[in-house]
Amino acid sequence: MAPIDRPVYRRQPRRRGQFIFANLGVAGDKPVPGDYDKDGKTDPAVWRAANTGWFYLESSNDYNTFNVIGFGSPGDIAPQGSAQ
């Protein structure tokens, strides 16, 4: 996936006919969706090269938990595919 030029918006059905919207990401972030919380569902996530930060929302908590993980070094390239 290419870096994004605007925030990522994630829409998930909650209850019948209801949706939630989450703002995730800034210009230049790379979308890296994956199952970061190991619940079998894809979590919306972005990787920010500027600070090697991984930002994701947990699907296991109805997308109410936002996590930031610093991992890597400047110059690293985010992997393709989802987290395992």
Protein backbone atom coordinates (compact mmCIF):
# COMPACT_ATOMS: atom_id res chain seq x y z
CA MET A 1 0.00 0.00 0.00
CA ALA A 2 1.20 3.48 -0.78
CA PRO A 3 1.57 6.20 1.85
CA ILE A 4 -1.61 8.16 2.42
CA ASP A 5 -2.04 11.86 1.76
CA ARG A 6 -4.88 12.35 4.25
CA PRO A 7 -6.19 10.72 7.44
CA VAL A 8 -7.60 7.21 7.25
CA TYR A 9 -11.24 6.81 8.21
CA ARG A 10 -12.41 3.40 9.32
CA ARG A 11 -16.08 2.46 9.36
CA GLN A 12 -17.29 -0.58 11.25
CA PRO A 13 -20.84 -1.74 11.79
CA ARG A 14 -21.78 -1.69 15.44
CA ARG A 15 -25.39 -2.60 15.78
CA ARG A 16 -27.92 -2.88 13.05
CA GLY A 17 -27.87 0.38 11.10
CA GLN A 18 -25.21 2.05 13.29
CA PHE A 19 -21.64 2.91 12.39
CA ILE A 20 -18.60 4.33 14.10
CA PHE A 21 -15.98 6.50 12.45
CA ALA A 22 -12.38 6.72 13.56
CA ASN A 23 -9.76 9.18 12.38
CA LEU A 24 -6.44 7.41 12.11
CA GLY A 25 -3.32 8.64 10.37
CA VAL A 26 -1.77 11.76 8.92
CA ALA A 27 -0.26 12.65 5.55
CA GLY A 28 2.58 10.28 4.69
CA ASP A 29 1.49 7.42 6.96
CA LYS A 30 1.42 3.95 5.46
CA PRO A 31 -1.70 1.81 6.02
CA VAL A 32 -0.68 -1.51 7.64
CA PRO A 33 -3.92 -3.26 8.65
CA GLY A 34 -3.52 -6.48 10.58
CA ASP A 35 -4.74 -8.51 13.53
CA TYR A 36 -2.65 -6.73 16.17
CA ASP A 37 -4.85 -7.79 19.12
CA LYS A 38 -5.14 -11.44 18.00
CA ASP A 39 -8.96 -11.64 17.95
CA GLY A 40 -9.26 -12.84 14.36
CA LYS A 41 -10.42 -9.44 13.03
CA THR A 42 -8.42 -6.91 11.07
CA ASP A 43 -7.44 -3.82 13.07
CA PRO A 44 -7.03 -0.48 11.28
CA ALA A 45 -3.41 0.62 11.59
CA VAL A 46 -0.83 2.97 10.11
CA TRP A 47 2.96 3.12 10.29
CA ARG A 48 4.71 6.47 10.54
CA ALA A 49 8.26 6.46 9.17
CA ALA A 50 9.11 9.83 10.76
CA ASN A 51 9.04 8.37 14.28
CA THR A 52 8.83 4.62 13.49
CA GLY A 53 5.47 4.53 15.27
CA TRP A 54 2.74 1.93 14.75
CA PHE A 55 -0.73 3.32 15.47
CA TYR A 56 -3.74 1.00 15.64
CA LEU A 57 -7.27 0.61 16.98
CA GLU A 58 -8.23 -2.65 18.71
CA SER A 59 -11.21 -4.42 17.16
CA SER A 60 -11.45 -6.62 20.28
CA ASN A 61 -12.46 -3.53 22.27
CA ASP A 62 -15.04 -2.21 19.76
CA TYR A 63 -12.33 0.14 18.37
CA ASN A 64 -12.29 2.13 21.62
CA THR A 65 -8.65 1.38 22.46
CA PHE A 66 -5.95 3.28 20.56
CA ASN A 67 -2.37 1.98 20.75
CA VAL A 68 0.95 3.47 19.74
CA ILE A 69 4.05 1.29 19.59
CA GLY A 70 7.50 2.58 18.80
CA PHE A 71 9.43 -0.04 16.90
CA GLY A 72 12.26 0.26 14.43
CA SER A 73 14.85 2.84 13.45
CA PRO A 74 14.77 5.85 11.13
CA GLY A 75 15.14 4.64 7.55
CA ASP A 76 13.28 1.36 8.14
CA ILE A 77 10.58 0.34 5.66
CA ALA A 78 7.28 -1.06 6.92
CA PRO A 79 6.60 -4.66 5.84
CA GLN A 80 3.96 -5.53 3.28
CA GLY A 81 0.91 -7.46 4.43
CA SER A 82 -0.74 -7.72 7.80
CA ALA A 83 0.68 -8.30 11.26
CA GLN A 84 0.97 -11.90 12.36
